[in-house]
Amino acid sequence: MGCFECCIKCLGGVPYASLVATILCFSGVALFCGCGHVALTGTVTILETHFSKVTTDHEMLTNVIQLMQYVIYGIASFFFLYGIILLAEGFYTTSAVKELHSEFKTTICGRCISGMFVFLTYILGVAWLGVFGFSAVPVFLFYNMWSTCAAMKSPMANLTNIDSICVDVRQYGIIPWNATPGKACGSTLGDICNTSEFYLSYHLYIVACAGAGATVIALIHFLMILSANWAYLKDASQMHAYQDIKMKEERELQDITSRSKECLNSYT
């Protein structure tokens, strides 16, 4: 076998669908974790500077955000390992299907592992749907603030008293009602929208939400791949069982035929 034939054979064993899903999963998780971590830090800075200047008022929120940042570290590590495992499982299943008519045989353990990955990926997909919905909440809050600032700056609004336009973050439950000042009005609100922390956090939340959506798509892709692979392995197992029974019957038939001939020869 030449070099070209070896390359073609190797490329034929690559699970391209699993490879695409793995790249999409890594990209989505990286965007969600990286952008979400930085955006949460910027959010704390905005709250401490403009909406809650007393540390005890937002102490609980700060602790929750720090906990979420630690969770982000765990999510990134887990999905890096899980994506590699699913890619390896794709290579294994592709080899099993390619060698369907050879000496390669799937085992019950291999089929059970494939079924376990289907169940686990389904659970993770449902969980990431919740993460995707949760990541859209800060995007909505920042969009409300940004649209309010844009309305104040728009000449079409024809506002005579911009100080009456306020954004009160206490109504969202982010900080308690006794937090001071708790809201920003008029020019103060415009200054907040012009800060680099607000601009960066707003766009990072959008990217993090998009990353969560990409991860959901990747897990759905993985779920379809794993389901198809599990069905292939099941069919391969049944095919091998049928071939074993067929070969056994052929041997028995040959033995009976040979014994019949021997008996006939001895009789004659």
Protein backbone atom coordinates (compact mmCIF):
# COMPACT_ATOMS: atom_id res chain seq x y z
CA MET A 1 0.00 0.00 0.00
CA GLY A 2 1.40 3.35 -1.05
CA CYS A 3 1.48 6.61 0.87
CA PHE A 4 -1.53 7.99 -0.98
CA GLU A 5 -3.65 4.91 -0.21
CA CYS A 6 -2.65 5.12 3.47
CA CYS A 7 -3.68 8.78 3.64
CA ILE A 8 -7.04 8.01 2.01
CA LYS A 9 -7.63 5.17 4.45
CA CYS A 10 -6.75 7.38 7.44
CA LEU A 11 -8.98 10.22 6.23
CA GLY A 12 -11.80 7.74 5.73
CA GLY A 13 -11.70 6.87 9.42
CA VAL A 14 -12.02 10.47 10.64
CA PRO A 15 -15.45 11.22 12.21
CA TYR A 16 -15.98 14.57 10.51
CA ALA A 17 -19.38 15.15 12.10
CA SER A 18 -17.95 14.64 15.60
CA LEU A 19 -14.97 16.83 14.70
CA VAL A 20 -17.24 19.71 13.63
CA ALA A 21 -19.39 19.32 16.74
CA THR A 22 -16.29 19.31 18.96
CA ILE A 23 -14.91 22.49 17.40
CA LEU A 24 -18.30 24.19 17.75
CA CYS A 25 -18.60 23.04 21.36
CA PHE A 26 -15.11 24.27 22.26
CA SER A 27 -15.75 27.61 20.57
CA GLY A 28 -19.11 28.12 22.27
CA VAL A 29 -17.86 27.18 25.73
CA ALA A 30 -14.75 29.36 25.31
CA LEU A 31 -16.85 32.37 24.29
CA PHE A 32 -19.35 31.86 27.09
CA CYS A 33 -16.77 31.30 29.82
CA GLY A 34 -14.24 33.94 28.75
CA CYS A 35 -16.65 36.72 27.88
CA GLY A 36 -18.98 35.91 30.77
CA HIS A 37 -16.15 36.07 33.31
CA VAL A 38 -14.96 39.50 32.14
CA ALA A 39 -18.52 40.82 31.80
CA LEU A 40 -19.36 39.82 35.37
CA THR A 41 -16.30 41.70 36.64
CA GLY A 42 -17.36 44.80 34.70
CA THR A 43 -20.89 44.52 36.09
CA VAL A 44 -19.60 44.55 39.67
CA THR A 45 -17.53 47.65 38.87
CA ILE A 46 -20.56 49.48 37.43
CA LEU A 47 -22.74 48.61 40.42
CA GLU A 48 -20.12 49.62 42.99
CA THR A 49 -19.35 52.90 41.23
CA HIS A 50 -22.82 54.16 40.29
CA PHE A 51 -25.66 52.22 41.93
CA SER A 52 -24.56 50.81 45.28
CA LYS A 53 -21.76 52.71 46.97
CA VAL A 54 -22.19 50.96 50.32
CA THR A 55 -20.34 47.65 50.29
CA THR A 56 -22.77 45.83 52.58
CA ASP A 57 -25.68 46.55 50.22
CA HIS A 58 -24.26 44.50 47.38
CA GLU A 59 -22.07 42.10 49.36
CA MET A 60 -24.36 39.14 48.61
CA LEU A 61 -24.38 39.96 44.89
CA THR A 62 -20.59 40.16 44.86
CA ASN A 63 -20.33 36.74 46.50
CA VAL A 64 -22.79 35.26 43.99
CA ILE A 65 -20.81 36.70 41.06
CA GLN A 66 -17.56 35.32 42.46
CA LEU A 67 -19.21 31.91 42.83
CA MET A 68 -20.43 32.10 39.24
CA GLN A 69 -16.90 32.89 38.07
CA TYR A 70 -15.60 29.78 39.85
CA VAL A 71 -18.39 27.76 38.24
CA ILE A 72 -17.24 29.11 34.86
CA TYR A 73 -13.77 27.67 35.52
CA GLY A 74 -15.34 24.28 36.23
CA ILE A 75 -17.54 24.41 33.13
CA ALA A 76 -14.57 25.21 30.90
CA SER A 77 -12.50 22.33 32.32
CA PHE A 78 -15.34 19.81 32.20
CA PHE A 79 -16.36 20.53 28.62
CA PHE A 80 -12.78 20.49 27.41
CA LEU A 81 -12.46 16.94 28.74
CA TYR A 82 -15.97 15.90 27.68
CA GLY A 83 -15.47 17.16 24.12
CA ILE A 84 -12.27 15.13 23.77
CA ILE A 85 -14.04 12.01 25.11
CA LEU A 86 -16.91 12.41 22.64
CA LEU A 87 -14.44 12.91 19.79
CA ALA A 88 -12.61 9.74 20.83
CA GLU A 89 -15.94 7.91 20.96
CA GLY A 90 -16.61 9.14 17.43
CA PHE A 91 -13.30 7.69 16.25
CA TYR A 92 -14.11 4.39 17.96
CA THR A 93 -17.59 4.15 16.43
CA THR A 94 -16.34 5.12 12.97
CA SER A 95 -13.76 2.33 13.15
CA ALA A 96 -16.45 -0.11 14.25
CA VAL A 97 -18.68 0.74 11.30
CA LYS A 98 -15.80 0.74 8.80
CA GLU A 99 -14.72 -2.72 9.97
CA LEU A 100 -18.24 -4.10 10.05
CA HIS A 101 -17.42 -7.11 7.86
CA SER A 102 -13.98 -7.87 9.29
CA GLU A 103 -12.74 -9.40 12.52
CA PHE A 104 -13.61 -6.29 14.51
CA LYS A 105 -16.48 -6.94 16.91
CA THR A 106 -18.30 -4.51 19.15
CA THR A 107 -18.78 -5.47 22.77
CA ILE A 108 -21.70 -5.00 25.14
CA CYS A 109 -19.55 -2.62 27.18
CA GLY A 110 -18.93 -0.44 24.12
CA ARG A 111 -22.63 -0.25 23.34
CA CYS A 112 -23.46 0.59 26.96
CA ILE A 113 -20.88 3.39 26.97
CA SER A 114 -22.38 4.81 23.77
CA GLY A 115 -25.86 4.70 25.33
CA MET A 116 -24.56 6.39 28.47
CA PHE A 117 -23.08 9.22 26.38
CA VAL A 118 -26.44 9.68 24.63
CA PHE A 119 -28.21 10.08 27.99
CA LEU A 120 -25.53 12.35 29.46
CA THR A 121 -25.42 14.57 26.37
CA TYR A 122 -29.21 14.89 26.47
CA ILE A 123 -29.08 16.04 30.12
CA LEU A 124 -26.29 18.52 29.33
CA GLY A 125 -28.25 19.85 26.35
CA VAL A 126 -31.29 20.54 28.52
CA ALA A 127 -29.06 22.20 31.13
CA TRP A 128 -27.41 24.41 28.50
CA LEU A 129 -30.82 25.49 27.25
CA GLY A 130 -31.35 26.90 30.75
CA VAL A 131 -27.90 28.51 30.68
CA PHE A 132 -28.70 30.07 27.30
CA GLY A 133 -31.94 31.54 28.66
CA PHE A 134 -30.19 32.77 31.81
CA SER A 135 -27.40 34.42 29.79
CA ALA A 136 -30.02 36.42 27.88
CA VAL A 137 -31.16 38.16 31.11
CA PRO A 138 -28.13 40.51 31.48
CA VAL A 139 -28.32 41.24 27.75
CA PHE A 140 -31.92 42.36 28.24
CA LEU A 141 -31.02 44.54 31.25
CA PHE A 142 -28.10 46.21 29.53
CA TYR A 143 -30.16 46.69 26.38
CA ASN A 144 -32.83 48.52 28.38
CA MET A 145 -30.22 50.86 29.81
CA TRP A 146 -28.56 51.38 26.44
CA SER A 147 -31.88 52.09 24.69
CA THR A 148 -32.78 54.61 27.41
CA CYS A 149 -29.50 56.43 26.89
CA ALA A 150 -30.00 56.35 23.12
CA ALA A 151 -33.48 57.81 23.52
CA MET A 152 -32.12 60.70 25.59
CA LYS A 153 -29.52 61.50 22.95
CA SER A 154 -31.91 61.22 20.02
CA PRO A 155 -33.11 64.61 18.63
CA MET A 156 -36.37 62.94 17.62
CA ALA A 157 -37.30 62.38 21.25
CA ASN A 158 -37.65 66.16 21.91
CA LEU A 159 -37.17 65.79 25.64
CA THR A 160 -37.33 68.92 27.78
CA ASN A 161 -36.31 67.40 31.10
CA ILE A 162 -33.95 64.45 30.79
CA ASP A 163 -33.45 64.31 34.57
CA SER A 164 -36.86 62.68 34.86
CA ILE A 165 -35.63 59.68 32.88
CA CYS A 166 -34.13 57.12 35.23
CA VAL A 167 -32.97 53.52 35.37
CA ASP A 168 -33.55 51.86 38.72
CA VAL A 169 -31.69 48.55 38.99
CA ARG A 170 -33.34 47.82 42.32
CA GLN A 171 -36.56 46.85 40.55
CA TYR A 172 -34.73 43.93 38.91
CA GLY A 173 -33.76 42.49 42.29
CA ILE A 174 -30.04 42.87 41.61
CA ILE A 175 -29.48 44.99 44.71
CA PRO A 176 -31.79 45.53 47.74
CA TRP A 177 -34.25 48.43 47.89
CA ASN A 178 -32.28 50.16 50.64
CA ALA A 179 -29.20 50.45 48.41
CA THR A 180 -28.11 54.01 47.67
CA PRO A 181 -28.45 55.62 45.23
CA GLY A 182 -29.94 52.58 43.51
CA LYS A 183 -30.82 54.47 40.34
CA ALA A 184 -29.27 56.79 37.78
CA CYS A 185 -31.08 59.66 36.07
CA GLY A 186 -30.44 62.15 33.29
CA SER A 187 -26.86 63.11 32.62
CA THR A 188 -25.59 60.62 35.22
CA LEU A 189 -27.23 57.81 33.28
CA GLY A 190 -25.69 59.12 30.06
CA ASP A 191 -22.26 59.15 31.66
CA ILE A 192 -22.68 55.53 32.73
CA CYS A 193 -23.55 54.50 29.19
CA ASN A 194 -20.42 56.26 27.93
CA THR A 195 -18.07 54.39 30.26
CA SER A 196 -15.83 51.67 28.88
CA GLU A 197 -17.07 49.20 31.52
CA PHE A 198 -20.66 49.51 30.31
CA TYR A 199 -19.76 49.29 26.62
CA LEU A 200 -17.46 46.32 27.13
CA SER A 201 -19.77 44.41 29.49
CA TYR A 202 -22.79 44.90 27.23
CA HIS A 203 -21.08 43.49 24.16
CA LEU A 204 -19.38 40.70 26.11
CA TYR A 205 -22.76 39.57 27.45
CA ILE A 206 -24.03 39.42 23.87
CA VAL A 207 -21.05 37.32 22.81
CA ALA A 208 -21.43 35.08 25.89
CA CYS A 209 -25.10 34.53 25.04
CA ALA A 210 -24.13 33.65 21.47
CA GLY A 211 -21.51 31.24 22.84
CA ALA A 212 -24.14 29.53 24.98
CA GLY A 213 -26.36 29.20 21.91
CA ALA A 214 -23.48 27.70 19.93
CA THR A 215 -22.89 25.20 22.73
CA VAL A 216 -26.55 24.17 22.65
CA ILE A 217 -26.30 23.61 18.88
CA ALA A 218 -23.10 21.59 19.36
CA LEU A 219 -24.73 19.38 22.01
CA ILE A 220 -27.75 18.79 19.75
CA HIS A 221 -25.30 17.87 16.99
CA PHE A 222 -23.50 15.50 19.37
CA LEU A 223 -26.81 13.97 20.41
CA MET A 224 -27.73 13.17 16.81
CA ILE A 225 -24.27 11.73 16.15
CA LEU A 226 -24.27 9.59 19.29
CA SER A 227 -27.77 8.28 18.59
CA ALA A 228 -26.78 7.31 15.05
CA ASN A 229 -23.53 5.72 16.27
CA TRP A 230 -25.38 3.72 18.92
CA ALA A 231 -27.77 2.42 16.26
CA TYR A 232 -24.82 1.52 14.01
CA LEU A 233 -23.14 -0.40 16.81
CA LYS A 234 -26.35 -2.23 17.59
CA ASP A 235 -26.78 -3.22 13.94
CA ALA A 236 -23.13 -4.24 13.77
CA SER A 237 -23.56 -6.47 16.81
CA GLN A 238 -26.63 -8.12 15.32
CA MET A 239 -24.85 -8.58 12.00
CA HIS A 240 -21.88 -10.26 13.67
CA ALA A 241 -24.21 -12.51 15.68
CA TYR A 242 -25.98 -13.51 12.47
CA GLN A 243 -22.67 -14.22 10.73
CA ASP A 244 -21.49 -16.34 13.66
CA ILE A 245 -24.69 -18.42 13.60
CA LYS A 246 -24.47 -18.79 9.83
CA MET A 247 -20.85 -19.94 9.97
CA LYS A 248 -21.69 -22.42 12.74
CA GLU A 249 -24.55 -23.89 10.73
CA GLU A 250 -22.35 -24.18 7.64
CA ARG A 251 -19.71 -26.06 9.63
CA GLU A 252 -22.34 -28.42 11.04
CA LEU A 253 -23.72 -29.00 7.55
CA GLN A 254 -20.23 -29.76 6.23
CA ASP A 255 -19.62 -32.17 9.11
CA ILE A 256 -22.89 -33.98 8.43
CA THR A 257 -22.09 -34.18 4.72
CA SER A 258 -18.60 -35.53 5.33
CA ARG A 259 -19.88 -38.14 7.81
CA SER A 260 -22.55 -39.20 5.34
CA LYS A 261 -19.97 -39.69 2.64
CA GLU A 262 -17.77 -41.71 5.00
CA CYS A 263 -20.66 -43.94 5.97
CA LEU A 264 -21.59 -44.43 2.32
CA ASN A 265 -18.04 -45.31 1.38
CA SER A 266 -17.70 -47.80 4.22
CA TYR A 267 -21.00 -49.45 3.25
CA THR A 268 -19.97 -49.84 -0.38
